[in-house]
Each structure stands twice: as structure tokens, then as C-alpha cells.
PDB file of N, CA and C in Angstrom:
ATOM      1  N   MET A   1      60.073  19.918 -35.136  1.00  0.00           N
ATOM      2  CA  MET A   1      60.763  18.774 -34.619  1.00  0.00           C
ATOM      3  C   MET A   1      59.804  17.609 -34.363  1.00  0.00           C
ATOM      4  N   LEU A   2      58.683  17.899 -33.704  1.00  0.00           N
ATOM      5  CA  LEU A   2      57.711  16.872 -33.400  1.00  0.00           C
ATOM      6  C   LEU A   2      57.137  16.270 -34.684  1.00  0.00           C
ATOM      7  N   ALA A   3      56.857  17.113 -35.664  1.00  0.00           N
ATOM      8  CA  ALA A   3      56.324  16.620 -36.933  1.00  0.00           C
ATOM      9  C   ALA A   3      57.338  15.727 -37.638  1.00  0.00           C
ATOM     10  N   LEU A   4      58.607  16.096 -37.580  1.00  0.00           N
ATOM     11  CA  LEU A   4      59.655  15.293 -38.201  1.00  0.00           C
ATOM     12  C   LEU A   4      59.757  13.921 -37.527  1.00  0.00           C
ATOM     13  N   THR A   5      59.614  13.881 -36.203  1.00  0.00           N
ATOM     14  CA  THR A   5      59.675  12.618 -35.471  1.00  0.00           C
ATOM     15  C   THR A   5      58.543  11.689 -35.905  1.00  0.00           C
ATOM     16  N   PHE A   6      57.332  12.245 -36.026  1.00  0.00           N
ATOM     17  CA  PHE A   6      56.200  11.431 -36.470  1.00  0.00           C
ATOM     18  C   PHE A   6      56.388  10.948 -37.900  1.00  0.00           C
ATOM     19  N   LEU A   7      56.908  11.824 -38.764  1.00  0.00           N
ATOM     20  CA  LEU A   7      57.110  11.473 -40.157  1.00  0.00           C
ATOM     21  C   LEU A   7      58.131  10.344 -40.294  1.00  0.00           C
ATOM     22  N   VAL A   8      59.269  10.491 -39.638  1.00  0.00           N
ATOM     23  CA  VAL A   8      60.312   9.473 -39.719  1.00  0.00           C
ATOM     24  C   VAL A   8      59.831   8.175 -39.062  1.00  0.00           C
ATOM     25  N   GLY A   9      59.191   8.283 -37.926  1.00  0.00           N
ATOM     26  CA  GLY A   9      58.669   7.104 -37.251  1.00  0.00           C
ATOM     27  C   GLY A   9      57.621   6.400 -38.089  1.00  0.00           C
ATOM     28  N   GLY A  10      56.754   7.177 -38.738  1.00  0.00           N
ATOM     29  CA  GLY A  10      55.709   6.597 -39.573  1.00  0.00           C
ATOM     30  C   GLY A  10      56.271   5.884 -40.778  1.00  0.00           C
ATOM     31  N   VAL A  11      57.273   6.475 -41.417  1.00  0.00           N
ATOM     32  CA  VAL A  11      57.897   5.849 -42.579  1.00  0.00           C
ATOM     33  C   VAL A  11      58.610   4.567 -42.153  1.00  0.00           C
ATOM     34  N   ALA A  12      59.311   4.617 -41.043  1.00  0.00           N
ATOM     35  CA  ALA A  12      60.016   3.427 -40.574  1.00  0.00           C
ATOM     36  C   ALA A  12      59.020   2.331 -40.210  1.00  0.00           C
ATOM     37  N   ALA A  13      57.932   2.712 -39.588  1.00  0.00           N
ATOM     38  CA  ALA A  13      56.929   1.724 -39.198  1.00  0.00           C
ATOM     39  C   ALA A  13      56.293   1.088 -40.422  1.00  0.00           C
ATOM     40  N   CYS A  14      55.989   1.902 -41.421  1.00  0.00           N
ATOM     41  CA  CYS A  14      55.398   1.350 -42.643  1.00  0.00           C
ATOM     42  C   CYS A  14      56.376   0.438 -43.354  1.00  0.00           C
ATOM     43  N   SER A  15      57.623   0.827 -43.391  1.00  0.00           N
ATOM     44  CA  SER A  15      58.633   0.023 -44.042  1.00  0.00           C
ATOM     45  C   SER A  15      58.782  -1.316 -43.337  1.00  0.00           C
ATOM     46  N   ASP A  16      58.836  -1.308 -42.008  1.00  0.00           N
ATOM     47  CA  ASP A  16      58.984  -2.545 -41.252  1.00  0.00           C
ATOM     48  C   ASP A  16      57.772  -3.451 -41.429  1.00  0.00           C
ATOM     49  N   ASP A  17      56.575  -2.859 -41.427  1.00  0.00           N
ATOM     50  CA  ASP A  17      55.361  -3.658 -41.554  1.00  0.00           C
ATOM     51  C   ASP A  17      55.313  -4.361 -42.901  1.00  0.00           C
ATOM     52  N   ASP A  18      55.696  -3.645 -43.969  1.00  0.00           N
ATOM     53  CA  ASP A  18      55.642  -4.252 -45.293  1.00  0.00           C
ATOM     54  C   ASP A  18      56.610  -5.424 -45.391  1.00  0.00           C
ATOM     55  N   ASP A  19      57.859  -5.207 -44.960  1.00  0.00           N
ATOM     56  CA  ASP A  19      58.845  -6.279 -45.060  1.00  0.00           C
ATOM     57  C   ASP A  19      58.500  -7.441 -44.143  1.00  0.00           C
ATOM     58  N   GLY A  20      58.193  -7.136 -42.893  1.00  0.00           N
ATOM     59  CA  GLY A  20      57.888  -8.180 -41.914  1.00  0.00           C
ATOM     60  C   GLY A  20      56.627  -8.927 -42.283  1.00  0.00           C
ATOM     61  N   GLY A  21      55.637  -8.215 -42.795  1.00  0.00           N
ATOM     62  CA  GLY A  21      54.369  -8.851 -43.137  1.00  0.00           C
ATOM     63  C   GLY A  21      54.524  -9.856 -44.258  1.00  0.00           C
ATOM     64  N   ASP A  22      55.316  -9.510 -45.287  1.00  0.00           N
ATOM     65  CA  ASP A  22      55.513 -10.428 -46.399  1.00  0.00           C
ATOM     66  C   ASP A  22      56.266 -11.678 -45.955  1.00  0.00           C
ATOM     67  N   GLU A  23      57.328 -11.463 -45.169  1.00  0.00           N
ATOM     68  CA  GLU A  23      58.114 -12.611 -44.723  1.00  0.00           C
ATOM     69  C   GLU A  23      57.285 -13.513 -43.824  1.00  0.00           C
ATOM     70  N   ALA A  24      56.558 -12.918 -42.891  1.00  0.00           N
ATOM     71  CA  ALA A  24      55.774 -13.715 -41.954  1.00  0.00           C
ATOM     72  C   ALA A  24      54.688 -14.492 -42.699  1.00  0.00           C
ATOM     73  N   THR A  25      54.068 -13.843 -43.686  1.00  0.00           N
ATOM     74  CA  THR A  25      53.011 -14.505 -44.444  1.00  0.00           C
ATOM     75  C   THR A  25      53.587 -15.684 -45.216  1.00  0.00           C
ATOM     76  N   SER A  26      54.753 -15.474 -45.842  1.00  0.00           N
ATOM     77  CA  SER A  26      55.363 -16.554 -46.603  1.00  0.00           C
ATOM     78  C   SER A  26      55.761 -17.697 -45.698  1.00  0.00           C
ATOM     79  N   GLU A  27      56.389 -17.364 -44.553  1.00  0.00           N
ATOM     80  CA  GLU A  27      56.822 -18.408 -43.637  1.00  0.00           C
ATOM     81  C   GLU A  27      55.632 -19.127 -43.030  1.00  0.00           C
ATOM     82  N   GLU A  28      54.625 -18.366 -42.620  1.00  0.00           N
ATOM     83  CA  GLU A  28      53.460 -18.975 -41.988  1.00  0.00           C
ATOM     84  C   GLU A  28      52.732 -19.888 -42.969  1.00  0.00           C
ATOM     85  N   SER A  29      52.568 -19.455 -44.193  1.00  0.00           N
ATOM     86  CA  SER A  29      51.850 -20.266 -45.170  1.00  0.00           C
ATOM     87  C   SER A  29      52.576 -21.570 -45.424  1.00  0.00           C
ATOM     88  N   GLY A  30      53.880 -21.498 -45.629  1.00  0.00           N
ATOM     89  CA  GLY A  30      54.641 -22.706 -45.895  1.00  0.00           C
ATOM     90  C   GLY A  30      54.662 -23.633 -44.693  1.00  0.00           C
ATOM     91  N   GLY A  31      54.887 -23.061 -43.523  1.00  0.00           N
ATOM     92  CA  GLY A  31      54.967 -23.870 -42.312  1.00  0.00           C
ATOM     93  C   GLY A  31      53.628 -24.475 -41.952  1.00  0.00           C
ATOM     94  N   ASP A  32      52.561 -23.694 -42.055  1.00  0.00           N
ATOM     95  CA  ASP A  32      51.248 -24.194 -41.674  1.00  0.00           C
ATOM     96  C   ASP A  32      50.765 -25.277 -42.629  1.00  0.00           C
ATOM     97  N   ASP A  33      51.019 -25.087 -43.933  1.00  0.00           N
ATOM     98  CA  ASP A  33      50.585 -26.089 -44.900  1.00  0.00           C
ATOM     99  C   ASP A  33      51.275 -27.422 -44.638  1.00  0.00           C
ATOM    100  N   THR A  34      52.578 -27.352 -44.382  1.00  0.00           N
ATOM    101  CA  THR A  34      53.326 -28.579 -44.139  1.00  0.00           C
ATOM    102  C   THR A  34      52.853 -29.248 -42.864  1.00  0.00           C
ATOM    103  N   ALA A  35      52.711 -28.457 -41.798  1.00  0.00           N
ATOM    104  CA  ALA A  35      52.282 -29.029 -40.517  1.00  0.00           C
ATOM    105  C   ALA A  35      50.869 -29.597 -40.628  1.00  0.00           C
ATOM    106  N   ALA A  36      50.006 -28.898 -41.321  1.00  0.00           N
ATOM    107  CA  ALA A  36      48.627 -29.368 -41.455  1.00  0.00           C
ATOM    108  C   ALA A  36      48.583 -30.659 -42.268  1.00  0.00           C
ATOM    109  N   ASP A  37      49.405 -30.719 -43.339  1.00  0.00           N
ATOM    110  CA  ASP A  37      49.414 -31.922 -44.154  1.00  0.00           C
ATOM    111  C   ASP A  37      49.932 -33.114 -43.359  1.00  0.00           C
ATOM    112  N   GLU A  38      51.067 -32.912 -42.664  1.00  0.00           N
ATOM    113  CA  GLU A  38      51.641 -34.017 -41.909  1.00  0.00           C
ATOM    114  C   GLU A  38      50.730 -34.424 -40.764  1.00  0.00           C
ATOM    115  N   GLY A  39      50.253 -33.464 -39.982  1.00  0.00           N
ATOM    116  CA  GLY A  39      49.399 -33.768 -38.839  1.00  0.00           C
ATOM    117  C   GLY A  39      48.082 -34.366 -39.274  1.00  0.00           C
ATOM    118  N   GLY A  40      47.517 -33.851 -40.343  1.00  0.00           N
ATOM    119  CA  GLY A  40      46.233 -34.348 -40.822  1.00  0.00           C
ATOM    120  C   GLY A  40      46.329 -35.777 -41.308  1.00  0.00           C
ATOM    121  N   ASP A  41      47.418 -36.091 -42.020  1.00  0.00           N
ATOM    122  CA  ASP A  41      47.582 -37.441 -42.536  1.00  0.00           C
ATOM    123  C   ASP A  41      47.765 -38.431 -41.397  1.00  0.00           C
ATOM    124  N   GLU A  42      48.617 -38.066 -40.436  1.00  0.00           N
ATOM    125  CA  GLU A  42      48.880 -38.984 -39.335  1.00  0.00           C
ATOM    126  C   GLU A  42      47.654 -39.132 -38.449  1.00  0.00           C
ATOM    127  N   GLY A  43      47.001 -38.007 -38.130  1.00  0.00           N
ATOM    128  CA  GLY A  43      45.859 -38.048 -37.231  1.00  0.00           C
ATOM    129  C   GLY A  43      44.657 -38.733 -37.841  1.00  0.00           C
ATOM    130  N   GLY A  44      44.452 -38.597 -39.136  1.00  0.00           N
ATOM    131  CA  GLY A  44      43.283 -39.166 -39.787  1.00  0.00           C
ATOM    132  C   GLY A  44      43.403 -40.664 -40.036  1.00  0.00           C
ATOM    133  N   ASP A  45      44.636 -41.154 -40.121  1.00  0.00           N
ATOM    134  CA  ASP A  45      44.838 -42.572 -40.379  1.00  0.00           C
ATOM    135  C   ASP A  45      44.871 -43.345 -39.069  1.00  0.00           C
ATOM    136  N   SER A  46      45.752 -44.302 -38.988  1.00  0.00           N
ATOM    137  CA  SER A  46      45.799 -45.166 -37.820  1.00  0.00           C
ATOM    138  C   SER A  46      46.269 -44.451 -36.566  1.00  0.00           C
ATOM    139  N   GLY A  47      47.048 -43.355 -36.674  1.00  0.00           N
ATOM    140  CA  GLY A  47      47.574 -42.660 -35.511  1.00  0.00           C
ATOM    141  C   GLY A  47      46.485 -42.158 -34.586  1.00  0.00           C
ATOM    142  N   GLY A  48      45.489 -41.476 -35.124  1.00  0.00           N
ATOM    143  CA  GLY A  48      44.408 -40.955 -34.295  1.00  0.00           C
ATOM    144  C   GLY A  48      43.586 -42.069 -33.698  1.00  0.00           C
ATOM    145  N   ASN A  49      43.302 -43.089 -34.472  1.00  0.00           N
ATOM    146  CA  ASN A  49      42.507 -44.211 -34.003  1.00  0.00           C
ATOM    147  C   ASN A  49      43.223 -44.961 -32.884  1.00  0.00           C
ATOM    148  N   GLU A  50      44.526 -45.168 -33.021  1.00  0.00           N
ATOM    149  CA  GLU A  50      45.295 -45.835 -31.975  1.00  0.00           C
ATOM    150  C   GLU A  50      45.309 -44.997 -30.707  1.00  0.00           C
ATOM    151  N   ALA A  51      45.457 -43.696 -30.853  1.00  0.00           N
ATOM    152  CA  ALA A  51      45.474 -42.812 -29.688  1.00  0.00           C
ATOM    153  C   ALA A  51      44.120 -42.827 -28.983  1.00  0.00           C
ATOM    154  N   ILE A  52      43.066 -42.864 -29.760  1.00  0.00           N
ATOM    155  CA  ILE A  52      41.722 -42.925 -29.170  1.00  0.00           C
ATOM    156  C   ILE A  52      41.532 -44.251 -28.457  1.00  0.00           C
ATOM    157  N   GLN A  53      42.002 -45.332 -29.064  1.00  0.00           N
ATOM    158  CA  GLN A  53      41.869 -46.648 -28.431  1.00  0.00           C
ATOM    159  C   GLN A  53      42.638 -46.694 -27.116  1.00  0.00           C
ATOM    160  N   GLU A  54      43.850 -46.144 -27.109  1.00  0.00           N
ATOM    161  CA  GLU A  54      44.637 -46.091 -25.873  1.00  0.00           C
ATOM    162  C   GLU A  54      43.907 -45.279 -24.810  1.00  0.00           C
ATOM    163  N   TYR A  55      43.320 -44.163 -25.225  1.00  0.00           N
ATOM    164  CA  TYR A  55      42.557 -43.318 -24.299  1.00  0.00           C
ATOM    165  C   TYR A  55      41.368 -44.097 -23.734  1.00  0.00           C
ATOM    166  N   CYS A  56      40.635 -44.769 -24.579  1.00  0.00           N
ATOM    167  CA  CYS A  56      39.460 -45.530 -24.136  1.00  0.00           C
ATOM    168  C   CYS A  56      39.854 -46.666 -23.194  1.00  0.00           C
ATOM    169  N   ASP A  57      40.984 -47.320 -23.485  1.00  0.00           N
ATOM    170  CA  ASP A  57      41.464 -48.372 -22.590  1.00  0.00           C
ATOM    171  C   ASP A  57      41.806 -47.794 -21.220  1.00  0.00           C
ATOM    172  N   ALA A  58      42.450 -46.637 -21.217  1.00  0.00           N
ATOM    173  CA  ALA A  58      42.804 -45.987 -19.954  1.00  0.00           C
ATOM    174  C   ALA A  58      41.555 -45.530 -19.202  1.00  0.00           C
ATOM    175  N   VAL A  59      40.534 -45.095 -19.938  1.00  0.00           N
ATOM    176  CA  VAL A  59      39.271 -44.710 -19.297  1.00  0.00           C
ATOM    177  C   VAL A  59      38.644 -45.912 -18.611  1.00  0.00           C
ATOM    178  N   GLN A  60      38.664 -47.067 -19.280  1.00  0.00           N
ATOM    179  CA  GLN A  60      38.097 -48.275 -18.671  1.00  0.00           C
ATOM    180  C   GLN A  60      38.856 -48.659 -17.402  1.00  0.00           C
ATOM    181  N   GLU A  61      40.171 -48.494 -17.431  1.00  0.00           N
ATOM    182  CA  GLU A  61      40.977 -48.761 -16.238  1.00  0.00           C
ATOM    183  C   GLU A  61      40.600 -47.785 -15.112  1.00  0.00           C
ATOM    184  N   PHE A  62      40.429 -46.518 -15.484  1.00  0.00           N
ATOM    185  CA  PHE A  62      40.028 -45.495 -14.504  1.00  0.00           C
ATOM    186  C   PHE A  62      38.670 -45.826 -13.884  1.00  0.00           C
ATOM    187  N   VAL A  63      37.730 -46.224 -14.707  1.00  0.00           N
ATOM    188  CA  VAL A  63      36.392 -46.562 -14.219  1.00  0.00           C
ATOM    189  C   VAL A  63      36.474 -47.743 -13.245  1.00  0.00           C
ATOM    190  N   ALA A  64      37.244 -48.759 -13.606  1.00  0.00           N
ATOM    191  CA  ALA A  64      37.387 -49.937 -12.743  1.00  0.00           C
ATOM    192  C   ALA A  64      38.029 -49.555 -11.404  1.00  0.00           C
ATOM    193  N   LYS A  65      39.089 -48.733 -11.466  1.00  0.00           N
ATOM    194  CA  LYS A  65      39.769 -48.309 -10.237  1.00  0.00           C
ATOM    195  C   LYS A  65      38.855 -47.429  -9.391  1.00  0.00           C
ATOM    196  N   SER A  66      38.058 -46.603 -10.029  1.00  0.00           N
ATOM    197  CA  SER A  66      37.121 -45.740  -9.301  1.00  0.00           C
ATOM    198  C   SER A  66      36.074 -46.567  -8.573  1.00  0.00           C
ATOM    199  N   GLU A  67      35.614 -47.630  -9.226  1.00  0.00           N
ATOM    200  CA  GLU A  67      34.649 -48.530  -8.586  1.00  0.00           C
ATOM    201  C   GLU A  67      35.272 -49.244  -7.393  1.00  0.00           C
ATOM    202  N   GLU A  68      36.548 -49.628  -7.539  1.00  0.00           N
ATOM    203  CA  GLU A  68      37.259 -50.243  -6.411  1.00  0.00           C
ATOM    204  C   GLU A  68      37.363 -49.253  -5.255  1.00  0.00           C
ATOM    205  N   LEU A  69      37.606 -47.994  -5.596  1.00  0.00           N
ATOM    206  CA  LEU A  69      37.755 -46.959  -4.572  1.00  0.00           C
ATOM    207  C   LEU A  69      36.452 -46.731  -3.807  1.00  0.00           C
ATOM    208  N   VAL A  70      35.331 -46.896  -4.477  1.00  0.00           N
ATOM    209  CA  VAL A  70      34.033 -46.774  -3.807  1.00  0.00           C
ATOM    210  C   VAL A  70      33.909 -47.871  -2.743  1.00  0.00           C
ATOM    211  N   ASP A  71      34.398 -49.059  -3.067  1.00  0.00           N
ATOM    212  CA  ASP A  71      34.334 -50.179  -2.130  1.00  0.00           C
ATOM    213  C   ASP A  71      35.367 -50.052  -1.008  1.00  0.00           C
ATOM    214  N   ASP A  72      36.458 -49.342  -1.274  1.00  0.00           N
ATOM    215  CA  ASP A  72      37.538 -49.208  -0.279  1.00  0.00           C
ATOM    216  C   ASP A  72      38.033 -47.755  -0.249  1.00  0.00           C
ATOM    217  N   PRO A  73      37.207 -46.836   0.258  1.00  0.00           N
ATOM    218  CA  PRO A  73      37.538 -45.411   0.191  1.00  0.00           C
ATOM    219  C   PRO A  73      38.730 -44.982   1.051  1.00  0.00           C
ATOM    220  N   THR A  74      39.181 -45.818   1.957  1.00  0.00           N
ATOM    221  CA  THR A  74      40.320 -45.445   2.803  1.00  0.00           C
ATOM    222  C   THR A  74      41.660 -45.916   2.241  1.00  0.00           C
ATOM    223  N   ASN A  75      41.640 -46.567   1.111  1.00  0.00           N
ATOM    224  CA  ASN A  75      42.869 -47.078   0.488  1.00  0.00           C
ATOM    225  C   ASN A  75      43.635 -45.917  -0.150  1.00  0.00           C
ATOM    226  N   ALA A  76      44.666 -45.441   0.531  1.00  0.00           N
ATOM    227  CA  ALA A  76      45.435 -44.276   0.074  1.00  0.00           C
ATOM    228  C   ALA A  76      46.162 -44.547  -1.242  1.00  0.00           C
ATOM    229  N   ASP A  77      46.680 -45.759  -1.398  1.00  0.00           N
ATOM    230  CA  ASP A  77      47.381 -46.096  -2.644  1.00  0.00           C
ATOM    231  C   ASP A  77      46.427 -46.050  -3.833  1.00  0.00           C
ATOM    232  N   LEU A  78      45.246 -46.575  -3.641  1.00  0.00           N
ATOM    233  CA  LEU A  78      44.241 -46.573  -4.700  1.00  0.00           C
ATOM    234  C   LEU A  78      43.772 -45.144  -5.002  1.00  0.00           C
ATOM    235  N   GLN A  79      43.629 -44.333  -3.966  1.00  0.00           N
ATOM    236  CA  GLN A  79      43.261 -42.926  -4.176  1.00  0.00           C
ATOM    237  C   GLN A  79      44.308 -42.224  -5.029  1.00  0.00           C
ATOM    238  N   ALA A  80      45.576 -42.454  -4.710  1.00  0.00           N
ATOM    239  CA  ALA A  80      46.667 -41.837  -5.474  1.00  0.00           C
ATOM    240  C   ALA A  80      46.667 -42.321  -6.912  1.00  0.00           C
ATOM    241  N   GLU A  81      46.411 -43.606  -7.117  1.00  0.00           N
ATOM    242  CA  GLU A  81      46.379 -44.169  -8.463  1.00  0.00           C
ATOM    243  C   GLU A  81      45.231 -43.576  -9.284  1.00  0.00           C
ATOM    244  N   VAL A  82      44.059 -43.445  -8.672  1.00  0.00           N
ATOM    245  CA  VAL A  82      42.902 -42.876  -9.367  1.00  0.00           C
ATOM    246  C   VAL A  82      43.170 -41.408  -9.712  1.00  0.00           C
ATOM    247  N   THR A  83      43.773 -40.698  -8.786  1.00  0.00           N
ATOM    248  CA  THR A  83      44.103 -39.291  -9.047  1.00  0.00           C
ATOM    249  C   THR A  83      45.096 -39.168 -10.195  1.00  0.00           C
ATOM    250  N   GLU A  84      46.110 -40.025 -10.196  1.00  0.00           N
ATOM    251  CA  GLU A  84      47.107 -40.014 -11.268  1.00  0.00           C
ATOM    252  C   GLU A  84      46.479 -40.351 -12.617  1.00  0.00           C
ATOM    253  N   LEU A  85      45.633 -41.369 -12.630  1.00  0.00           N
ATOM    254  CA  LEU A  85      44.933 -41.741 -13.869  1.00  0.00           C
ATOM    255  C   LEU A  85      44.052 -40.595 -14.365  1.00  0.00           C
ATOM    256  N   SER A  86      43.362 -39.953 -13.450  1.00  0.00           N
ATOM    257  CA  SER A  86      42.480 -38.846 -13.820  1.00  0.00           C
ATOM    258  C   SER A  86      43.265 -37.712 -14.477  1.00  0.00           C
ATOM    259  N   THR A  87      44.405 -37.381 -13.903  1.00  0.00           N
ATOM    260  CA  THR A  87      45.245 -36.321 -14.467  1.00  0.00           C
ATOM    261  C   THR A  87      45.753 -36.704 -15.851  1.00  0.00           C
ATOM    262  N   ALA A  88      46.227 -37.933 -15.975  1.00  0.00           N
ATOM    263  CA  ALA A  88      46.736 -38.398 -17.267  1.00  0.00           C
ATOM    264  C   ALA A  88      45.632 -38.419 -18.327  1.00  0.00           C
ATOM    265  N   LEU A  89      44.440 -38.859 -17.946  1.00  0.00           N
ATOM    266  CA  LEU A  89      43.319 -38.907 -18.886  1.00  0.00           C
ATOM    267  C   LEU A  89      42.893 -37.510 -19.318  1.00  0.00           C
ATOM    268  N   THR A  90      42.935 -36.576 -18.395  1.00  0.00           N
ATOM    269  CA  THR A  90      42.586 -35.196 -18.737  1.00  0.00           C
ATOM    270  C   THR A  90      43.574 -34.653 -19.762  1.00  0.00           C
ATOM    271  N   ASP A  91      44.856 -34.930 -19.553  1.00  0.00           N
ATOM    272  CA  ASP A  91      45.876 -34.488 -20.510  1.00  0.00           C
ATOM    273  C   ASP A  91      45.682 -35.156 -21.873  1.00  0.00           C
ATOM    274  N   GLN A  92      45.409 -36.470 -21.857  1.00  0.00           N
ATOM    275  CA  GLN A  92      45.177 -37.188 -23.109  1.00  0.00           C
ATOM    276  C   GLN A  92      43.961 -36.632 -23.847  1.00  0.00           C
ATOM    277  N   ALA A  93      42.894 -36.373 -23.110  1.00  0.00           N
ATOM    278  CA  ALA A  93      41.668 -35.848 -23.732  1.00  0.00           C
ATOM    279  C   ALA A  93      41.924 -34.484 -24.351  1.00  0.00           C
ATOM    280  N   THR A  94      42.715 -33.663 -23.685  1.00  0.00           N
ATOM    281  CA  THR A  94      43.039 -32.342 -24.223  1.00  0.00           C
ATOM    282  C   THR A  94      43.822 -32.468 -25.523  1.00  0.00           C
ATOM    283  N   ASP A  95      44.800 -33.366 -25.537  1.00  0.00           N
ATOM    284  CA  ASP A  95      45.594 -33.590 -26.754  1.00  0.00           C
ATOM    285  C   ASP A  95      44.724 -34.126 -27.891  1.00  0.00           C
ATOM    286  N   LEU A  96      43.867 -35.082 -27.566  1.00  0.00           N
ATOM    287  CA  LEU A  96      42.992 -35.652 -28.596  1.00  0.00           C
ATOM    288  C   LEU A  96      41.987 -34.626 -29.111  1.00  0.00           C
ATOM    289  N   ALA A  97      41.486 -33.787 -28.234  1.00  0.00           N
ATOM    290  CA  ALA A  97      40.526 -32.765 -28.658  1.00  0.00           C
ATOM    291  C   ALA A  97      41.162 -31.810 -29.667  1.00  0.00           C
ATOM    292  N   ALA A  98      42.447 -31.560 -29.517  1.00  0.00           N
ATOM    293  CA  ALA A  98      43.149 -30.702 -30.475  1.00  0.00           C
ATOM    294  C   ALA A  98      43.228 -31.354 -31.853  1.00  0.00           C
ATOM    295  N   GLU A  99      43.207 -32.677 -31.888  1.00  0.00           N
ATOM    296  CA  GLU A  99      43.268 -33.410 -33.151  1.00  0.00           C
ATOM    297  C   GLU A  99      41.885 -33.725 -33.722  1.00  0.00           C
ATOM    298  N   ALA A 100      40.841 -33.386 -33.001  1.00  0.00           N
ATOM    299  CA  ALA A 100      39.475 -33.765 -33.382  1.00  0.00           C
ATOM    300  C   ALA A 100      39.086 -33.392 -34.807  1.00  0.00           C
ATOM    301  N   PRO A 101      39.524 -32.248 -35.344  1.00  0.00           N
ATOM    302  CA  PRO A 101      39.122 -31.941 -36.722  1.00  0.00           C
ATOM    303  C   PRO A 101      39.574 -32.974 -37.752  1.00  0.00           C
ATOM    304  N   SER A 102      40.598 -33.744 -37.430  1.00  0.00           N
ATOM    305  CA  SER A 102      41.075 -34.752 -38.391  1.00  0.00           C
ATOM    306  C   SER A 102      40.478 -36.140 -38.136  1.00  0.00           C
ATOM    307  N   PHE A 103      39.618 -36.266 -37.135  1.00  0.00           N
ATOM    308  CA  PHE A 103      39.006 -37.563 -36.839  1.00  0.00           C
ATOM    309  C   PHE A 103      38.014 -37.965 -37.923  1.00  0.00           C
ATOM    310  N   THR A 104      37.932 -39.261 -38.152  1.00  0.00           N
ATOM    311  CA  THR A 104      36.848 -39.780 -38.982  1.00  0.00           C
ATOM    312  C   THR A 104      35.583 -39.721 -38.129  1.00  0.00           C
ATOM    313  N   PRO A 105      34.415 -39.810 -38.728  1.00  0.00           N
ATOM    314  CA  PRO A 105      33.181 -39.803 -37.920  1.00  0.00           C
ATOM    315  C   PRO A 105      33.165 -40.925 -36.875  1.00  0.00           C
ATOM    316  N   GLU A 106      33.722 -42.079 -37.228  1.00  0.00           N
ATOM    317  CA  GLU A 106      33.767 -43.197 -36.285  1.00  0.00           C
ATOM    318  C   GLU A 106      34.690 -42.888 -35.110  1.00  0.00           C
ATOM    319  N   ASP A 107      35.854 -42.290 -35.419  1.00  0.00           N
ATOM    320  CA  ASP A 107      36.794 -41.911 -34.358  1.00  0.00           C
ATOM    321  C   ASP A 107      36.160 -40.886 -33.426  1.00  0.00           C
ATOM    322  N   ALA A 108      35.479 -39.915 -33.999  1.00  0.00           N
ATOM    323  CA  ALA A 108      34.837 -38.876 -33.196  1.00  0.00           C
ATOM    324  C   ALA A 108      33.771 -39.472 -32.273  1.00  0.00           C
ATOM    325  N   GLU A 109      33.019 -40.423 -32.795  1.00  0.00           N
ATOM    326  CA  GLU A 109      31.978 -41.081 -32.004  1.00  0.00           C
ATOM    327  C   GLU A 109      32.601 -41.893 -30.858  1.00  0.00           C
ATOM    328  N   GLU A 110      33.665 -42.615 -31.154  1.00  0.00           N
ATOM    329  CA  GLU A 110      34.338 -43.417 -30.127  1.00  0.00           C
ATOM    330  C   GLU A 110      34.935 -42.508 -29.051  1.00  0.00           C
ATOM    331  N   PHE A 111      35.565 -41.423 -29.467  1.00  0.00           N
ATOM    332  CA  PHE A 111      36.158 -40.483 -28.522  1.00  0.00           C
ATOM    333  C   PHE A 111      35.085 -39.878 -27.616  1.00  0.00           C
ATOM    334  N   ALA A 112      33.961 -39.491 -28.196  1.00  0.00           N
ATOM    335  CA  ALA A 112      32.869 -38.909 -27.414  1.00  0.00           C
ATOM    336  C   ALA A 112      32.318 -39.917 -26.404  1.00  0.00           C
ATOM    337  N   ALA A 113      32.194 -41.169 -26.808  1.00  0.00           N
ATOM    338  CA  ALA A 113      31.688 -42.201 -25.896  1.00  0.00           C
ATOM    339  C   ALA A 113      32.653 -42.408 -24.730  1.00  0.00           C
ATOM    340  N   CYS A 114      33.942 -42.403 -25.015  1.00  0.00           N
ATOM    341  CA  CYS A 114      34.931 -42.588 -23.959  1.00  0.00           C
ATOM    342  C   CYS A 114      34.968 -41.380 -23.012  1.00  0.00           C
ATOM    343  N   GLN A 115      34.788 -40.201 -23.578  1.00  0.00           N
ATOM    344  CA  GLN A 115      34.726 -39.007 -22.733  1.00  0.00           C
ATOM    345  C   GLN A 115      33.524 -39.087 -21.797  1.00  0.00           C
ATOM    346  N   ALA A 116      32.420 -39.579 -22.294  1.00  0.00           N
ATOM    347  CA  ALA A 116      31.228 -39.724 -21.456  1.00  0.00           C
ATOM    348  C   ALA A 116      31.469 -40.724 -20.338  1.00  0.00           C
ATOM    349  N   ASP A 117      32.173 -41.817 -20.648  1.00  0.00           N
ATOM    350  CA  ASP A 117      32.511 -42.803 -19.617  1.00  0.00           C
ATOM    351  C   ASP A 117      33.414 -42.184 -18.560  1.00  0.00           C
ATOM    352  N   PHE A 118      34.380 -41.394 -19.009  1.00  0.00           N
ATOM    353  CA  PHE A 118      35.325 -40.750 -18.083  1.00  0.00           C
ATOM    354  C   PHE A 118      34.602 -39.752 -17.186  1.00  0.00           C
ATOM    355  N   ALA A 119      33.639 -39.033 -17.754  1.00  0.00           N
ATOM    356  CA  ALA A 119      32.888 -38.039 -16.978  1.00  0.00           C
ATOM    357  C   ALA A 119      32.002 -38.700 -15.926  1.00  0.00           C
ATOM    358  N   GLY A 120      31.663 -39.955 -16.160  1.00  0.00           N
ATOM    359  CA  GLY A 120      30.954 -40.684 -15.134  1.00  0.00           C
ATOM    360  C   GLY A 120      29.518 -40.831 -15.356  1.00  0.00           C
TER     361      GLY A 120
END
């Protein structure tokens, strides 16, 4: 009985793996190629550069607000604004870092410089 259970289970498992593996491979290949082509084209052209420019502009705003906060450390509204900007910039940097493989060398250099400014 135990041997029969292993035999039937093994055959079913092999059958499922073969069918599922082929379908998943076909779907993954088609889906990944399309996503990579679309994402790569958009990220490598003006889309990535515009996103980096927006990030760098926001970093400059953060730096300016942080300097204001040094001069007025008890300003609760300014503290909240700096905290909000910091969170948003961290999210933007994470998103941009995911797109980094599609950056041009110039985009990568600009992004790195802005990250350094944000880090302080």
C-alpha cells in the first residue's frame, strides 16, 4: 500500500511538473520579454531622465528645507515638511534604483550625484 502511494504520488507529481513547467516557462518568457522591452524603452529614453530630474529637483528642495530647519529647529511645520520630503525621496530613490539598469551613463551619474546630495 505504501509503495503504491509513493508510485502514484510520484507519477502525479512528475506529470504536474512537466505540464506546469512548460506553461510557466512559456508565459514567463513572453511576459518578461514584453515587460523588459516596454520598460527598457521608456526608462532609457526621456522617461528615466525626467524622473531623475524630478528626483534631483526634490532633493534640492529637501536640502533647502533642511538648512532652514537648522536655523529654526523648533518649527514643527517645517519638521513635518522635511520628514514628508525625506519619505517621498526615499520612495523615489527606491523606484529609480529599480530602473538603474536602463539608465544611460549620464543618467546614472546624475542620479548618483543627487543621491549623494540627499545623503548629506
